Amino acid sequence: MTDPVDHVKQNMPKPEPMPYMRLALFAILALLLFVSARALVTKISSAQPPVPPKASESPRPDGSGAQAPAGPPGPEISELGAEALLDVEDNTSRVEGPALRALLAQAQKMTGQEPAEKVAWADLRASATKYRGMPIRVEGTLYQLSEKELDPNPTGLRSVVWGILTDAEMNRYICYLAEKPRGIVANDDVKLTALFLKMLLYKTQKVETEVAVVVGKCFDRPAYLDDPSILKTMTQGTKIEIKPFNYLVSLLAKTPLEELKRKALRGVRWTQFVNEAEAYAGKFVCIEGSLLLCEAQYPDYIYEKGYDKTYWGIILSGEENLRFYTFYSLDKPLDIQDRDRVRIYGVFAKNWVYTAQNSVEVTSPIIIGKQMVKVRYPRVPSFVYWVTGIVFLVVIFVLVGVFAGRKGDREYQALRSKLRHHENDQSPPT
């Protein structure tokens, strides 16, 4: 009689190996899981920050308008007169066009080093003919600043800037400027060397006022641009004020890049900027992070020349809890794109607190940057990726094989148990 155990062993189907199609499917699924996990990690690490209410508008430095109030219209520029300064009449309500253009042409050539004396307003009034066309020093508080278009003329100027100054004795001057002043706001104390033109009867709100008319190239360089104490006027939590902003831009403009890189503080954390803002204000720093937002802007509030186009944006640092920095950069290489890892060399200004679009209050340190560079990591040879992929697939195949083998063993053990159960019952094989 045939042994039931031997009979079952001989006729029991052997565990079939996993089909190749199934192995390939497991490998593809594992690869997709790997890619999905990597994409998820990348998305989390580059999470979008809460941005200002209007991301398309930069947090413009707050200069209370950056321009003086509009005020009443300027004096009408008349075309009367044939001999320029010889035909100028004092105590009238018009400015003779030829005389004005003649002095504007001369003002364009001024360097600011011309010898000029401080003439009292009363002396100008009493001896207007004597001082006409002479360079004088004018000082006062800016009350109004506007721009007036010019007809085609030999000076080449398409417009002229004019403003009203009030001196310490409350006497008024109307200043015509050949260049548009930058970084000058209402109520600023200004100085300039200008050419005296005439005494004018100027009507404001039906009140006729006598003013001295002068023509210059531009206002003198403001003293605050070289005074570090202007940083003490900043208020934490608000947009950066225009005077401290211009001081920091001027500081960067006159600091060589190599010196800046050598003196820049590295490794300063977001919490240090937030908690010790006064201590770090005006210090050279270097920050690094992912570029989340970068937009070009064309500011008219920067005093220093050569910065007609600048950039502002947001950087996500590599610190914990997603820390954001707001930056103004005076330079941006063309090869830098959003999401790139960048390093900014500049100066810390203050902290800005704003409410994001999702109603979350955000504190962002403000960095004024001189140079932005792209952080480049060592390039990994392509064969490394191939070797890594092959090793990954081999591991997947081995794991799938082990899983299939263990499954076959479990089936075999289940059949043995079933056989012994039948043997104990002395049931014949079927």
Protein backbone atom coordinates (compact mmCIF):
# COMPACT_ATOMS: atom_id res chain seq x y z
CA MET A 1 0.00 0.00 0.00
CA THR A 2 1.33 3.40 -0.98
CA ASP A 3 2.34 5.64 1.87
CA PRO A 4 -0.05 8.64 1.85
CA VAL A 5 2.78 10.99 2.76
CA ASP A 6 4.94 9.87 -0.16
CA HIS A 7 1.95 10.02 -2.46
CA VAL A 8 1.21 13.66 -1.52
CA LYS A 9 4.87 14.63 -1.77
CA GLN A 10 5.12 13.18 -5.25
CA ASN A 11 1.92 14.79 -6.52
CA MET A 12 2.05 18.12 -4.59
CA PRO A 13 2.55 21.06 -7.02
CA LYS A 14 5.82 22.86 -6.46
CA PRO A 15 5.66 26.60 -5.66
CA GLU A 16 5.78 28.45 -8.92
CA PRO A 17 8.35 31.27 -9.22
CA MET A 18 7.00 34.78 -9.51
CA PRO A 19 6.41 35.61 -13.18
CA TYR A 20 8.75 38.14 -14.74
CA MET A 21 5.88 40.52 -15.49
CA ARG A 22 4.91 40.57 -11.84
CA LEU A 23 8.52 41.26 -10.80
CA ALA A 24 8.72 44.11 -13.30
CA LEU A 25 5.46 45.53 -11.98
CA PHE A 26 6.75 45.45 -8.42
CA ALA A 27 9.95 47.20 -9.52
CA ILE A 28 8.03 49.95 -11.36
CA LEU A 29 5.73 50.51 -8.40
CA ALA A 30 8.72 50.74 -6.06
CA LEU A 31 10.42 53.23 -8.38
CA LEU A 32 7.27 55.37 -8.55
CA LEU A 33 7.02 55.34 -4.77
CA PHE A 34 10.64 56.49 -4.55
CA VAL A 35 10.10 59.33 -7.04
CA SER A 36 6.87 60.42 -5.31
CA ALA A 37 8.55 60.47 -1.91
CA ARG A 38 11.42 62.55 -3.28
CA ALA A 39 9.02 65.01 -4.90
CA LEU A 40 7.10 65.30 -1.64
CA VAL A 41 10.27 66.05 0.29
CA THR A 42 11.25 68.68 -2.30
CA LYS A 43 7.82 70.29 -2.08
CA ILE A 44 7.94 70.44 1.69
CA SER A 45 11.47 71.86 1.72
CA SER A 46 10.51 74.59 -0.77
CA ALA A 47 7.16 75.51 0.72
CA GLN A 48 5.74 78.84 -0.39
CA PRO A 49 5.96 81.51 2.28
CA PRO A 50 3.14 83.83 3.22
CA VAL A 51 3.73 86.85 1.00
CA PRO A 52 2.67 90.49 1.35
CA PRO A 53 -0.93 91.31 0.39
CA LYS A 54 0.18 92.34 -3.12
CA ALA A 55 3.22 90.33 -4.14
CA SER A 56 3.55 92.30 -7.38
CA GLU A 57 4.23 95.49 -5.43
CA SER A 58 7.46 95.73 -3.51
CA PRO A 59 7.46 97.03 0.07
CA ARG A 60 8.67 100.44 -1.12
CA PRO A 61 10.78 102.26 1.46
CA ASP A 62 8.52 104.56 3.38
CA GLY A 63 9.39 108.16 2.66
CA SER A 64 5.97 109.57 3.42
CA GLY A 65 5.32 109.75 -0.29
CA ALA A 66 8.95 110.06 -1.46
CA GLN A 67 7.96 113.30 -3.17
CA ALA A 68 6.97 116.65 -1.76
CA PRO A 69 3.26 117.53 -1.97
CA ALA A 70 2.08 118.76 -5.35
CA GLY A 71 1.05 122.24 -4.21
CA PRO A 72 -0.07 124.98 -6.58
CA PRO A 73 1.05 125.01 -10.22
CA GLY A 74 4.41 126.54 -11.05
CA PRO A 75 4.90 129.97 -12.59
CA GLU A 76 4.07 130.16 -16.27
CA ILE A 77 7.20 130.13 -18.44
CA SER A 78 6.81 133.00 -20.86
CA GLU A 79 8.46 133.28 -24.27
CA LEU A 80 8.75 137.05 -23.95
CA GLY A 81 12.17 138.60 -24.13
CA ALA A 82 14.88 138.59 -26.79
CA GLU A 83 18.15 139.19 -25.01
CA ALA A 84 17.91 136.62 -22.22
CA LEU A 85 19.03 138.14 -18.92
CA LEU A 86 18.98 141.68 -20.30
CA ASP A 87 15.24 141.46 -20.78
CA VAL A 88 14.39 140.05 -17.35
CA GLU A 89 11.97 142.15 -15.33
CA ASP A 90 11.71 141.83 -11.56
CA ASN A 91 8.51 141.84 -9.52
CA THR A 92 6.39 140.32 -12.28
CA SER A 93 4.33 137.12 -12.19
CA ARG A 94 6.13 135.36 -15.06
CA VAL A 95 9.51 133.73 -15.63
CA GLU A 96 11.10 134.72 -18.92
CA GLY A 97 11.68 131.55 -20.95
CA PRO A 98 14.89 132.51 -22.80
CA ALA A 99 16.56 133.65 -19.58
CA LEU A 100 15.51 130.49 -17.77
CA ARG A 101 16.85 128.26 -20.56
CA ALA A 102 20.09 130.21 -20.68
CA LEU A 103 20.68 129.63 -16.96
CA LEU A 104 19.61 125.97 -17.23
CA ALA A 105 22.21 125.44 -19.95
CA GLN A 106 24.83 127.00 -17.69
CA ALA A 107 23.63 125.02 -14.64
CA GLN A 108 24.09 121.72 -16.50
CA LYS A 109 27.83 122.42 -16.59
CA MET A 110 28.11 123.23 -12.87
CA THR A 111 30.17 120.90 -10.67
CA GLY A 112 29.10 122.19 -7.28
CA GLN A 113 32.61 123.49 -6.61
CA GLU A 114 31.99 126.95 -8.03
CA PRO A 115 32.79 129.84 -5.66
CA ALA A 116 29.51 131.15 -4.35
CA GLU A 117 28.59 133.40 -1.46
CA LYS A 118 25.61 133.27 0.86
CA VAL A 119 23.58 136.32 -0.06
CA ALA A 120 20.75 137.41 2.21
CA TRP A 121 17.30 137.29 0.70
CA ALA A 122 16.81 140.97 1.51
CA ASP A 123 19.96 141.85 -0.46
CA LEU A 124 18.68 139.90 -3.46
CA ARG A 125 15.46 141.84 -3.29
CA ALA A 126 17.20 145.17 -2.98
CA SER A 127 19.85 144.55 -5.68
CA ALA A 128 18.33 142.00 -8.05
CA THR A 129 20.08 143.42 -11.11
CA LYS A 130 23.47 143.24 -9.38
CA TYR A 131 23.20 139.53 -8.54
CA ARG A 132 21.41 138.36 -11.68
CA GLY A 133 23.22 135.37 -13.20
CA MET A 134 25.67 135.10 -10.29
CA PRO A 135 26.17 131.84 -8.31
CA ILE A 136 24.89 132.03 -4.73
CA ARG A 137 24.38 129.54 -1.90
CA VAL A 138 20.79 128.73 -1.00
CA GLU A 139 19.71 126.78 2.09
CA GLY A 140 16.26 125.95 3.37
CA THR A 141 13.53 123.41 4.01
CA LEU A 142 11.91 121.82 0.99
CA TYR A 143 8.22 122.60 0.87
CA GLN A 144 7.24 121.57 -2.63
CA LEU A 145 8.80 119.63 -5.50
CA SER A 146 7.23 119.25 -8.95
CA GLU A 147 8.19 118.68 -12.57
CA LYS A 148 7.27 120.84 -15.56
CA GLU A 149 7.62 119.84 -19.21
CA LEU A 150 9.58 122.05 -21.60
CA ASP A 151 9.16 122.67 -25.28
CA PRO A 152 12.05 121.60 -27.57
CA ASN A 153 15.01 123.83 -26.72
CA PRO A 154 18.81 124.02 -27.17
CA THR A 155 19.46 122.69 -23.62
CA GLY A 156 18.15 119.25 -24.59
CA LEU A 157 16.04 119.12 -21.42
CA ARG A 158 12.55 117.73 -21.85
CA SER A 159 11.46 118.84 -18.40
CA VAL A 160 12.64 120.93 -15.50
CA VAL A 161 12.18 120.21 -11.79
CA TRP A 162 11.19 123.10 -9.59
CA GLY A 163 10.68 123.39 -5.87
CA ILE A 164 9.90 125.89 -3.15
CA LEU A 165 12.31 126.38 -0.26
CA THR A 166 11.79 128.31 2.94
CA ASP A 167 14.87 129.63 4.77
CA ALA A 168 15.31 130.21 8.49
CA GLU A 169 13.73 133.69 8.19
CA MET A 170 10.71 132.20 6.36
CA ASN A 171 11.75 133.81 3.08
CA ARG A 172 10.87 131.80 0.01
CA TYR A 173 12.89 130.67 -3.00
CA ILE A 174 11.76 128.98 -6.18
CA CYS A 175 14.52 126.66 -7.42
CA TYR A 176 14.66 125.33 -10.96
CA LEU A 177 16.85 122.22 -11.29
CA ALA A 178 18.45 120.76 -14.41
CA GLU A 179 18.52 117.27 -12.79
CA LYS A 180 15.75 115.49 -10.95
CA PRO A 181 16.79 115.03 -7.31
CA ARG A 182 16.70 111.50 -5.90
CA GLY A 183 16.17 110.48 -2.32
CA ILE A 184 14.80 113.90 -1.38
CA VAL A 185 11.43 114.09 0.38
CA ALA A 186 9.20 116.78 1.82
CA ASN A 187 10.49 118.68 4.85
CA ASP A 188 14.11 117.78 4.08
CA ASP A 189 16.73 120.45 4.71
CA VAL A 190 18.53 121.03 1.42
CA LYS A 191 21.40 123.13 0.10
CA LEU A 192 22.54 124.02 -3.38
CA THR A 193 24.67 126.36 -5.44
CA ALA A 194 22.41 128.18 -7.89
CA LEU A 195 22.35 131.09 -10.32
CA PHE A 196 20.11 133.97 -9.32
CA LEU A 197 17.48 134.83 -11.93
CA LYS A 198 14.97 137.36 -10.56
CA MET A 199 12.47 138.40 -7.91
CA LEU A 200 9.03 137.03 -8.73
CA LEU A 201 5.50 137.83 -7.58
CA TYR A 202 4.06 134.37 -6.87
CA LYS A 203 0.36 133.89 -6.17
CA THR A 204 -0.75 131.14 -3.77
CA GLN A 205 -4.36 130.86 -2.64
CA LYS A 206 -5.10 134.41 -3.83
CA VAL A 207 -2.16 135.72 -1.80
CA GLU A 208 0.67 137.36 -3.72
CA THR A 209 4.10 136.52 -2.31
CA GLU A 210 7.51 137.84 -3.34
CA VAL A 211 10.03 135.05 -3.94
CA ALA A 212 13.59 134.79 -5.24
CA VAL A 213 14.03 132.61 -8.34
CA VAL A 214 17.28 130.64 -8.70
CA VAL A 215 18.47 128.02 -11.20
CA GLY A 216 20.82 125.16 -10.28
CA LYS A 217 21.92 121.70 -11.31
CA CYS A 218 20.73 119.73 -8.29
CA PHE A 219 20.65 119.77 -4.50
CA ASP A 220 23.84 119.03 -2.59
CA ARG A 221 24.47 115.54 -1.27
CA PRO A 222 22.37 115.13 1.91
CA ALA A 223 24.43 114.97 5.09
CA TYR A 224 22.50 111.97 6.45
CA LEU A 225 24.03 109.72 3.77
CA ASP A 226 27.26 109.73 5.76
CA ASP A 227 25.74 109.74 9.25
CA PRO A 228 25.28 106.28 10.87
CA SER A 229 23.04 107.79 13.54
CA ILE A 230 20.24 107.95 10.96
CA LEU A 231 19.71 104.21 11.64
CA LYS A 232 18.45 105.08 15.13
CA THR A 233 15.41 106.75 13.57
CA MET A 234 14.13 103.39 12.27
CA THR A 235 11.01 101.88 13.82
CA GLN A 236 10.91 98.09 14.04
CA GLY A 237 7.97 96.34 12.40
CA THR A 238 7.32 98.89 9.66
CA LYS A 239 8.64 99.21 6.11
CA ILE A 240 12.13 100.64 5.99
CA GLU A 241 12.27 104.42 6.04
CA ILE A 242 13.74 106.10 2.97
CA LYS A 243 16.60 107.92 4.72
CA PRO A 244 18.06 104.85 6.50
CA PHE A 245 17.52 102.92 3.27
CA ASN A 246 19.54 105.47 1.28
CA TYR A 247 22.25 105.53 3.96
CA LEU A 248 22.66 101.74 3.69
CA VAL A 249 22.68 101.83 -0.13
CA SER A 250 25.34 104.56 0.01
CA LEU A 251 27.34 102.46 2.49
CA LEU A 252 27.25 99.48 0.12
CA ALA A 253 28.08 101.66 -2.90
CA LYS A 254 31.32 102.91 -1.36
CA THR A 255 32.37 99.57 0.17
CA PRO A 256 34.45 97.34 -2.16
CA LEU A 257 32.92 93.92 -2.68
CA GLU A 258 35.96 92.04 -1.41
CA GLU A 259 35.95 94.08 1.80
CA LEU A 260 32.24 93.41 2.20
CA LYS A 261 32.73 89.65 1.82
CA ARG A 262 35.61 89.72 4.29
CA LYS A 263 33.68 91.62 6.97
CA ALA A 264 30.28 89.96 6.46
CA LEU A 265 28.92 88.08 9.47
CA ARG A 266 28.03 84.50 8.62
CA GLY A 267 25.78 82.08 10.45
CA VAL A 268 23.62 84.75 12.10
CA ARG A 269 20.24 83.14 12.68
CA TRP A 270 16.78 84.54 12.06
CA THR A 271 16.04 84.64 15.78
CA GLN A 272 19.14 86.78 16.38
CA PHE A 273 18.05 89.34 13.78
CA VAL A 274 14.57 89.44 15.29
CA ASN A 275 15.60 89.63 18.94
CA GLU A 276 18.71 91.83 18.53
CA ALA A 277 17.75 94.09 15.63
CA GLU A 278 19.39 97.23 17.03
CA ALA A 279 22.68 95.40 17.58
CA TYR A 280 22.86 94.09 14.00
CA ALA A 281 21.51 97.19 12.21
CA GLY A 282 24.09 98.45 9.72
CA LYS A 283 26.30 95.33 10.04
CA PHE A 284 27.58 93.52 6.96
CA VAL A 285 26.00 90.05 6.75
CA CYS A 286 25.80 87.05 4.43
CA ILE A 287 22.57 85.07 4.20
CA GLU A 288 21.83 81.94 2.19
CA GLY A 289 18.59 80.27 1.20
CA SER A 290 16.13 79.36 -1.54
CA LEU A 291 14.97 82.20 -3.76
CA LEU A 292 11.17 82.15 -3.56
CA LEU A 293 10.35 85.54 -5.08
CA CYS A 294 12.43 88.05 -7.03
CA GLU A 295 10.99 91.02 -8.94
CA ALA A 296 12.68 93.90 -10.73
CA GLN A 297 11.81 97.44 -9.75
CA TYR A 298 12.78 100.88 -11.01
CA PRO A 299 13.06 103.08 -7.93
CA ASP A 300 13.16 106.86 -7.98
CA TYR A 301 13.98 107.11 -4.29
CA ILE A 302 17.62 105.92 -4.33
CA TYR A 303 20.04 108.85 -4.11
CA GLU A 304 23.12 107.09 -5.46
CA LYS A 305 23.37 107.03 -9.25
CA GLY A 306 23.64 103.79 -11.20
CA TYR A 307 20.81 101.98 -9.44
CA ASP A 308 17.90 102.69 -11.76
CA LYS A 309 17.02 98.98 -11.71
CA THR A 310 17.09 96.96 -8.51
CA TYR A 311 15.43 93.80 -7.20
CA TRP A 312 13.39 92.80 -4.19
CA GLY A 313 12.09 89.46 -3.06
CA ILE A 314 11.84 86.76 -0.41
CA ILE A 315 14.35 84.10 0.61
CA LEU A 316 13.56 80.92 2.53
CA SER A 317 16.42 80.09 4.84
CA GLY A 318 17.51 76.60 5.76
CA GLU A 319 16.63 77.17 9.40
CA GLU A 320 13.90 75.32 11.21
CA ASN A 321 10.23 76.37 11.02
CA LEU A 322 10.53 78.00 7.58
CA ARG A 323 12.24 81.37 8.19
CA PHE A 324 11.82 84.11 5.59
CA TYR A 325 13.94 87.14 4.71
CA THR A 326 12.94 90.19 2.66
CA PHE A 327 15.77 91.55 0.52
CA TYR A 328 16.54 94.50 -1.74
CA SER A 329 19.39 93.63 -4.08
CA LEU A 330 21.36 96.11 -6.16
CA ASP A 331 22.42 93.29 -8.49
CA LYS A 332 21.06 89.99 -9.85
CA PRO A 333 22.94 87.72 -12.29
CA LEU A 334 20.93 86.58 -15.31
CA ASP A 335 21.40 82.88 -14.54
CA ILE A 336 19.56 83.07 -11.21
CA GLN A 337 15.99 81.79 -11.29
CA ASP A 338 13.28 81.23 -8.69
CA ARG A 339 13.93 78.19 -6.47
CA ASP A 340 17.68 78.52 -6.91
CA ARG A 341 19.90 78.39 -3.86
CA VAL A 342 21.43 81.87 -3.51
CA ARG A 343 23.78 83.76 -1.26
CA ILE A 344 23.41 87.51 -0.64
CA TYR A 345 26.19 89.78 0.63
CA GLY A 346 24.79 92.95 2.09
CA VAL A 347 23.78 94.77 5.24
CA PHE A 348 21.01 94.15 7.78
CA ALA A 349 18.49 96.97 8.16
CA LYS A 350 15.53 96.11 10.40
CA ASN A 351 12.58 93.75 10.83
CA TRP A 352 9.38 94.11 8.86
CA VAL A 353 6.10 92.74 10.23
CA TYR A 354 3.22 92.29 7.81
CA THR A 355 0.00 90.32 7.48
CA ALA A 356 0.11 87.69 4.75
CA GLN A 357 -2.71 86.77 2.39
CA ASN A 358 -3.82 83.97 4.71
CA SER A 359 -4.08 86.46 7.62
CA VAL A 360 -0.88 85.15 9.22
CA GLU A 361 1.42 87.72 10.79
CA VAL A 362 4.94 87.35 9.42
CA THR A 363 8.18 88.82 10.77
CA SER A 364 10.82 89.19 8.08
CA PRO A 365 14.34 90.64 8.53
CA ILE A 366 15.20 93.13 5.78
CA ILE A 367 18.57 92.73 4.04
CA ILE A 368 19.96 95.33 1.61
CA GLY A 369 22.22 93.34 -0.73
CA LYS A 370 25.11 94.45 -2.90
CA GLN A 371 25.66 91.12 -4.65
CA MET A 372 23.58 87.99 -5.17
CA VAL A 373 25.35 84.80 -6.24
CA LYS A 374 24.05 81.37 -7.12
CA VAL A 375 25.22 78.58 -4.84
CA ARG A 376 26.63 75.84 -7.05
CA TYR A 377 27.11 72.35 -5.62
CA PRO A 378 29.77 69.92 -6.97
CA ARG A 379 28.36 68.13 -10.01
CA VAL A 380 27.82 64.40 -9.52
CA PRO A 381 29.06 62.28 -12.47
CA SER A 382 26.26 60.71 -14.50
CA PHE A 383 27.53 57.16 -13.94
CA VAL A 384 26.81 57.58 -10.22
CA TYR A 385 23.11 57.94 -11.01
CA TRP A 386 23.21 54.83 -13.22
CA VAL A 387 24.99 52.77 -10.56
CA THR A 388 22.56 54.00 -7.91
CA GLY A 389 19.58 53.09 -10.08
CA ILE A 390 20.94 49.62 -10.87
CA VAL A 391 21.69 48.91 -7.20
CA PHE A 392 18.21 50.11 -6.29
CA LEU A 393 16.57 47.78 -8.83
CA VAL A 394 18.73 44.82 -7.71
CA VAL A 395 17.67 45.38 -4.13
CA ILE A 396 14.02 45.52 -5.22
CA PHE A 397 14.37 42.24 -7.16
CA VAL A 398 16.08 40.54 -4.19
CA LEU A 399 13.34 41.70 -1.83
CA VAL A 400 10.63 40.54 -4.23
CA GLY A 401 12.39 37.16 -4.62
CA VAL A 402 12.66 36.73 -0.86
CA PHE A 403 9.00 37.60 -0.49
CA ALA A 404 8.01 35.09 -3.18
CA GLY A 405 10.18 32.36 -1.65
CA ARG A 406 8.71 32.87 1.79
CA LYS A 407 5.23 32.73 0.30
CA GLY A 408 6.04 29.34 -1.32
CA ASP A 409 7.42 28.02 1.96
CA ARG A 410 4.24 29.01 3.73
CA GLU A 411 2.15 27.19 1.12
CA TYR A 412 4.34 24.09 1.44
CA GLN A 413 4.05 24.07 5.23
CA ALA A 414 0.27 24.48 4.96
CA LEU A 415 0.06 21.41 2.70
CA ARG A 416 2.23 19.34 5.06
CA SER A 417 -0.04 20.23 7.93
CA LYS A 418 -3.05 19.25 5.90
CA LEU A 419 -1.39 15.94 4.94
CA ARG A 420 -0.62 15.02 8.53
CA HIS A 421 -4.16 15.83 9.48
CA HIS A 422 -5.41 13.37 6.86
CA GLU A 423 -2.80 10.76 7.95
CA ASN A 424 -4.04 10.92 11.52
CA ASP A 425 -7.58 10.38 10.23
CA GLN A 426 -6.30 7.46 8.09
CA SER A 427 -8.12 8.88 5.14
CA PRO A 428 -7.00 7.52 1.75
CA PRO A 429 -5.53 10.01 -0.65
CA THR A 430 -7.78 11.32 -3.36
